[in-house]
Amino acid sequence: MPDSAPSRRPVPTPARTHLLAGLAVAFLVAAGAAQGGPVALTCDVAKVTVSAPGEDQASRACAAAEAADTRLRALGLGIEDGVRIEITEALDVAPGICVALYDSATRTLQVLPLDCLDDQPGRAKTFPKMDAELLFDSLIVHELVHAYVDQSAEARHQSRIAHEYLAYAVQLEALPAAERARILAVADVGHPVDLQAINEVTLNFSPLRFAAMSWLHFRQEGGDATHVRRVVEGSMVFVNLRE
């Protein structure tokens, strides 16, 4: 997360990997769900499918995806190709590096299950004190932002920072107000937020502060589809250490 743990996004390559309440209407397609075994669900939203170790977490993931889809479509983003959410203890990166990721090559979003999020030391490098269930929902929101932005017509224009700016902004917006206020208080970010401060150094060394600044700047600029379009089209210029 993203968590969000930091997203992994080689730049530029044909395939990118990003590391980080609503009705859950889903169709159960896996056998053995009644016995509490692995299940697969097709969410009633945005071509999203879920595989999970149990029906409860699969349904929870569908609910989080539905809420995210509603917000992202209001911001002018959508997806044409399906996205698969895998709730798994075996992320496709070395253990301990992250708690969630999105791989654009396979259009797969991976996130740790609730028990792993609850037990993993420093489970959320960005939000270490967040409740595991809230973090789980939040991670799905964050990584789906990457998925939706990655499928936009202007995907080639986005830098890693642009991706993370939108992912964290929408992630914080989706949190309950009290939890968001707690994060903002810890971050202790002043107003107005200078876009130049939303950079790779802040992201790498203080992801919580980066998240808070992203949300505050996002709201400062209107937090609407017009602003998202500026980011997606590349007309908002972020500091890029690779340049």
Protein backbone atom coordinates (compact mmCIF):
# COMPACT_ATOMS: atom_id res chain seq x y z
CA MET A 1 0.00 0.00 0.00
CA PRO A 2 0.78 0.77 -0.64
CA ASP A 3 -0.66 0.02 2.79
CA SER A 4 -0.06 0.71 2.19
CA ALA A 5 3.48 -0.62 2.03
CA PRO A 6 5.54 1.14 -0.62
CA SER A 7 4.47 0.23 -4.17
CA ARG A 8 7.00 -1.39 -6.46
CA ARG A 9 6.92 0.28 -9.90
CA PRO A 10 9.89 -0.12 -12.26
CA VAL A 11 9.93 2.91 -14.58
CA PRO A 12 9.45 2.70 -17.47
CA THR A 13 8.66 -0.92 -18.40
CA PRO A 14 5.76 -2.49 -20.27
CA ALA A 15 4.50 -4.07 -17.05
CA ARG A 16 4.35 -2.27 -13.72
CA THR A 17 3.96 -3.69 -10.22
CA HIS A 18 2.56 -1.49 -7.47
CA LEU A 19 3.37 -2.61 -3.92
CA LEU A 20 0.45 -1.37 -0.93
CA ALA A 21 -18.62 -0.31 3.61
CA GLY A 22 -20.59 -1.14 0.61
CA LEU A 23 -22.78 -3.98 -0.51
CA ALA A 24 -20.94 -7.19 -1.26
CA VAL A 25 -22.94 -8.84 -4.00
CA ALA A 26 -20.95 -11.78 -5.31
CA PHE A 27 -21.32 -15.12 -7.00
CA LEU A 28 -19.70 -18.08 -5.28
CA VAL A 29 -17.93 -20.27 -7.82
CA ALA A 30 -15.54 -22.40 -5.78
CA ALA A 31 -16.42 -25.77 -4.34
CA GLY A 32 -15.84 -26.42 -0.68
CA ALA A 33 -16.75 -22.94 0.56
CA ALA A 34 -19.28 -24.35 2.98
CA GLN A 35 -16.44 -26.19 4.69
CA GLY A 36 -14.44 -22.99 5.09
CA GLY A 37 -11.96 -23.80 2.35
CA PRO A 38 -10.56 -21.55 -0.39
CA VAL A 39 -13.21 -19.72 -2.40
CA ALA A 40 -13.42 -17.66 -5.57
CA LEU A 41 -15.95 -14.88 -6.02
CA THR A 42 -16.98 -12.76 -8.93
CA CYS A 43 -17.84 -9.38 -7.46
CA ASP A 44 -20.87 -7.54 -8.75
CA VAL A 45 -18.70 -4.62 -9.74
CA ALA A 46 -16.19 -3.56 -12.37
CA LYS A 47 -14.99 -6.97 -13.62
CA VAL A 48 -13.32 -7.74 -10.29
CA THR A 49 -12.83 -11.32 -9.10
CA VAL A 50 -11.50 -12.48 -5.73
CA SER A 51 -9.75 -15.61 -4.52
CA ALA A 52 -9.42 -15.98 -0.77
CA PRO A 53 -8.82 -18.53 2.00
CA GLY A 54 -12.42 -18.11 3.18
CA GLU A 55 -15.76 -16.69 2.16
CA ASP A 56 -15.77 -13.89 4.77
CA GLN A 57 -12.57 -12.30 3.50
CA ALA A 58 -13.59 -12.77 -0.13
CA SER A 59 -16.90 -11.02 0.55
CA ARG A 60 -15.11 -8.25 2.44
CA ALA A 61 -12.75 -7.73 -0.49
CA CYS A 62 -15.72 -7.48 -2.87
CA ALA A 63 -17.34 -4.87 -0.63
CA ALA A 64 -14.15 -2.81 -0.55
CA ALA A 65 -13.83 -3.11 -4.34
CA GLU A 66 -17.42 -1.96 -4.84
CA ALA A 67 -16.93 1.12 -2.69
CA ALA A 68 -13.65 1.93 -4.46
CA ASP A 69 -15.22 1.50 -7.89
CA THR A 70 -18.04 3.92 -7.06
CA ARG A 71 -15.57 6.59 -5.98
CA LEU A 72 -13.11 6.03 -8.83
CA ARG A 73 -15.82 6.24 -11.48
CA ALA A 74 -16.99 9.50 -9.92
CA LEU A 75 -13.40 10.69 -10.39
CA GLY A 76 -13.48 9.78 -14.07
CA LEU A 77 -11.55 6.50 -13.84
CA GLY A 78 -12.67 3.05 -14.92
CA ILE A 79 -11.38 -0.30 -16.13
CA GLU A 80 -11.94 -2.27 -19.31
CA ASP A 81 -9.90 -5.36 -18.44
CA GLY A 82 -10.67 -7.48 -15.41
CA VAL A 83 -8.73 -7.27 -12.14
CA ARG A 84 -8.14 -10.29 -9.92
CA ILE A 85 -7.76 -9.83 -6.16
CA GLU A 86 -5.77 -12.59 -4.45
CA ILE A 87 -5.82 -12.78 -0.66
CA THR A 88 -2.68 -14.77 0.01
CA GLU A 89 0.12 -15.24 2.53
CA ALA A 90 2.58 -15.68 -0.36
CA LEU A 91 2.93 -12.31 -2.09
CA ASP A 92 5.00 -12.27 -5.27
CA VAL A 93 7.81 -10.40 -3.50
CA ALA A 94 10.20 -11.28 -0.70
CA PRO A 95 8.46 -11.73 2.70
CA GLY A 96 8.35 -8.62 4.85
CA ILE A 97 8.78 -6.14 1.98
CA CYS A 98 5.13 -5.24 1.60
CA VAL A 99 1.60 -6.16 2.57
CA ALA A 100 -0.09 -5.57 -0.80
CA LEU A 101 0.80 -5.06 -4.46
CA TYR A 102 -0.68 -4.62 -7.91
CA ASP A 103 0.97 -6.22 -10.95
CA SER A 104 -0.12 -4.58 -14.20
CA ALA A 105 1.28 -7.42 -16.33
CA THR A 106 -1.17 -9.93 -14.87
CA ARG A 107 -3.76 -7.37 -13.64
CA THR A 108 -3.51 -9.03 -10.22
CA LEU A 109 -3.88 -7.33 -6.84
CA GLN A 110 -2.41 -9.28 -3.93
CA VAL A 111 -3.04 -8.54 -0.27
CA LEU A 112 -2.20 -10.39 2.94
CA PRO A 113 -5.11 -12.03 4.80
CA LEU A 114 -6.43 -10.49 7.98
CA ASP A 115 -4.57 -12.78 10.38
CA CYS A 116 -1.24 -11.95 8.70
CA LEU A 117 -1.96 -8.23 8.76
CA ASP A 118 -2.80 -8.51 12.45
CA ASP A 119 0.35 -10.48 13.35
CA GLN A 120 3.03 -9.05 11.06
CA PRO A 121 5.47 -6.75 12.88
CA GLY A 122 5.38 -3.30 11.32
CA ARG A 123 2.66 -4.69 9.05
CA ALA A 124 1.85 -1.30 7.61
CA LYS A 125 4.92 0.81 7.20
CA THR A 126 2.67 3.73 6.41
CA PHE A 127 -0.09 3.04 8.94
CA PRO A 128 1.35 0.78 11.68
CA LYS A 129 -1.42 1.46 14.21
CA MET A 130 -4.39 0.92 11.91
CA ASP A 131 -6.90 -1.81 12.76
CA ALA A 132 -6.27 -4.90 10.60
CA GLU A 133 -9.76 -5.00 9.07
CA LEU A 134 -9.67 -1.31 8.24
CA LEU A 135 -6.17 -1.70 6.82
CA PHE A 136 -7.30 -4.66 4.68
CA ASP A 137 -10.09 -2.58 3.11
CA SER A 138 -7.75 0.37 2.73
CA LEU A 139 -5.09 -1.67 0.94
CA ILE A 140 -7.61 -2.87 -1.62
CA VAL A 141 -8.68 0.72 -2.28
CA HIS A 142 -5.06 1.84 -2.68
CA GLU A 143 -4.09 -0.92 -5.09
CA LEU A 144 -7.28 -0.59 -7.13
CA VAL A 145 -6.39 3.05 -7.73
CA HIS A 146 -3.17 1.80 -9.32
CA ALA A 147 -5.16 -0.67 -11.41
CA TYR A 148 -7.64 1.94 -12.65
CA VAL A 149 -4.98 4.55 -13.40
CA ASP A 150 -2.85 1.94 -15.13
CA GLN A 151 -5.74 1.12 -17.48
CA SER A 152 -6.38 4.76 -18.37
CA ALA A 153 -5.70 5.90 -21.91
CA GLU A 154 -2.94 8.21 -20.65
CA ALA A 155 -1.18 5.58 -18.49
CA ARG A 156 2.18 6.26 -20.13
CA HIS A 157 2.21 9.78 -18.68
CA GLN A 158 2.19 8.81 -15.01
CA SER A 159 5.30 8.69 -12.89
CA ARG A 160 5.58 6.59 -9.76
CA ILE A 161 4.87 9.68 -7.66
CA ALA A 162 1.74 10.54 -9.63
CA HIS A 163 0.46 6.99 -9.11
CA GLU A 164 1.17 7.06 -5.37
CA TYR A 165 -0.25 10.57 -4.97
CA LEU A 166 -3.63 9.44 -6.31
CA ALA A 167 -3.53 6.07 -4.56
CA TYR A 168 -2.85 7.58 -1.14
CA ALA A 169 -5.27 10.46 -1.63
CA VAL A 170 -8.17 8.16 -2.49
CA GLN A 171 -7.11 5.70 0.20
CA LEU A 172 -7.25 8.34 2.92
CA GLU A 173 -10.50 9.73 1.56
CA ALA A 174 -12.07 6.27 1.92
CA LEU A 175 -11.14 6.02 5.61
CA PRO A 176 -13.56 6.89 8.40
CA ALA A 177 -13.17 10.55 9.35
CA ALA A 178 -11.83 9.74 12.82
CA GLU A 179 -9.08 7.48 11.45
CA ARG A 180 -8.11 10.02 8.81
CA ALA A 181 -7.94 12.75 11.46
CA ARG A 182 -5.65 10.54 13.57
CA ILE A 183 -3.29 10.05 10.62
CA LEU A 184 -3.25 13.76 9.81
CA ALA A 185 -2.48 14.59 13.44
CA VAL A 186 0.48 12.19 13.48
CA ALA A 187 1.76 13.54 10.15
CA ASP A 188 1.52 17.15 11.38
CA VAL A 189 1.48 18.65 7.89
CA GLY A 190 1.09 22.41 7.45
CA HIS A 191 -1.22 24.24 5.05
CA PRO A 192 -1.20 24.91 2.19
CA VAL A 193 0.68 21.86 0.91
CA ASP A 194 3.44 22.59 -1.61
CA LEU A 195 3.36 20.12 -4.52
CA GLN A 196 7.16 20.05 -4.56
CA ALA A 197 7.13 18.45 -1.11
CA ILE A 198 5.18 15.48 -2.50
CA ASN A 199 8.22 13.72 -3.85
CA GLU A 200 10.14 10.45 -3.85
CA VAL A 201 12.24 11.35 -0.82
CA THR A 202 9.13 11.88 1.31
CA LEU A 203 7.53 8.73 -0.07
CA ASN A 204 10.57 6.58 0.70
CA PHE A 205 11.44 7.96 4.12
CA SER A 206 8.08 9.07 5.53
CA PRO A 207 5.23 7.35 3.68
CA LEU A 208 2.68 8.40 6.31
CA ARG A 209 3.60 12.05 5.76
CA PHE A 210 3.49 11.51 1.99
CA ALA A 211 -0.01 10.03 2.34
CA ALA A 212 -1.23 12.92 4.48
CA MET A 213 0.22 15.54 2.15
CA SER A 214 -1.27 13.79 -0.88
CA TRP A 215 -4.77 13.82 0.58
CA LEU A 216 -4.51 17.41 1.80
CA HIS A 217 -3.18 18.62 -1.56
CA PHE A 218 -5.82 16.57 -3.40
CA ARG A 219 -8.56 18.28 -1.40
CA GLN A 220 -6.81 21.63 -1.76
CA GLU A 221 -7.02 21.26 -5.55
CA GLY A 222 -10.69 20.30 -5.51
CA GLY A 223 -10.48 16.53 -5.15
CA ASP A 224 -12.64 16.02 -8.23
CA ALA A 225 -12.53 14.43 -11.69
CA THR A 226 -11.01 17.57 -13.23
CA HIS A 227 -8.05 17.43 -10.86
CA VAL A 228 -7.62 13.68 -11.37
CA ARG A 229 -7.56 14.25 -15.13
CA ARG A 230 -4.69 16.76 -14.72
CA VAL A 231 -2.70 14.18 -12.77
CA VAL A 232 -3.47 11.32 -15.16
CA GLU A 233 -2.64 13.38 -18.25
CA GLY A 234 0.69 14.43 -16.76
CA SER A 235 -0.01 18.15 -16.65
CA MET A 236 0.72 18.18 -12.91
CA VAL A 237 4.48 17.93 -12.61
CA PHE A 238 5.92 16.09 -9.59
CA VAL A 239 9.55 16.09 -8.53
CA ASN A 240 11.15 12.98 -10.04
CA LEU A 241 14.55 11.94 -8.72
CA ARG A 242 15.20 9.84 -11.82
CA GLU A 243 15.28 12.91 -14.07
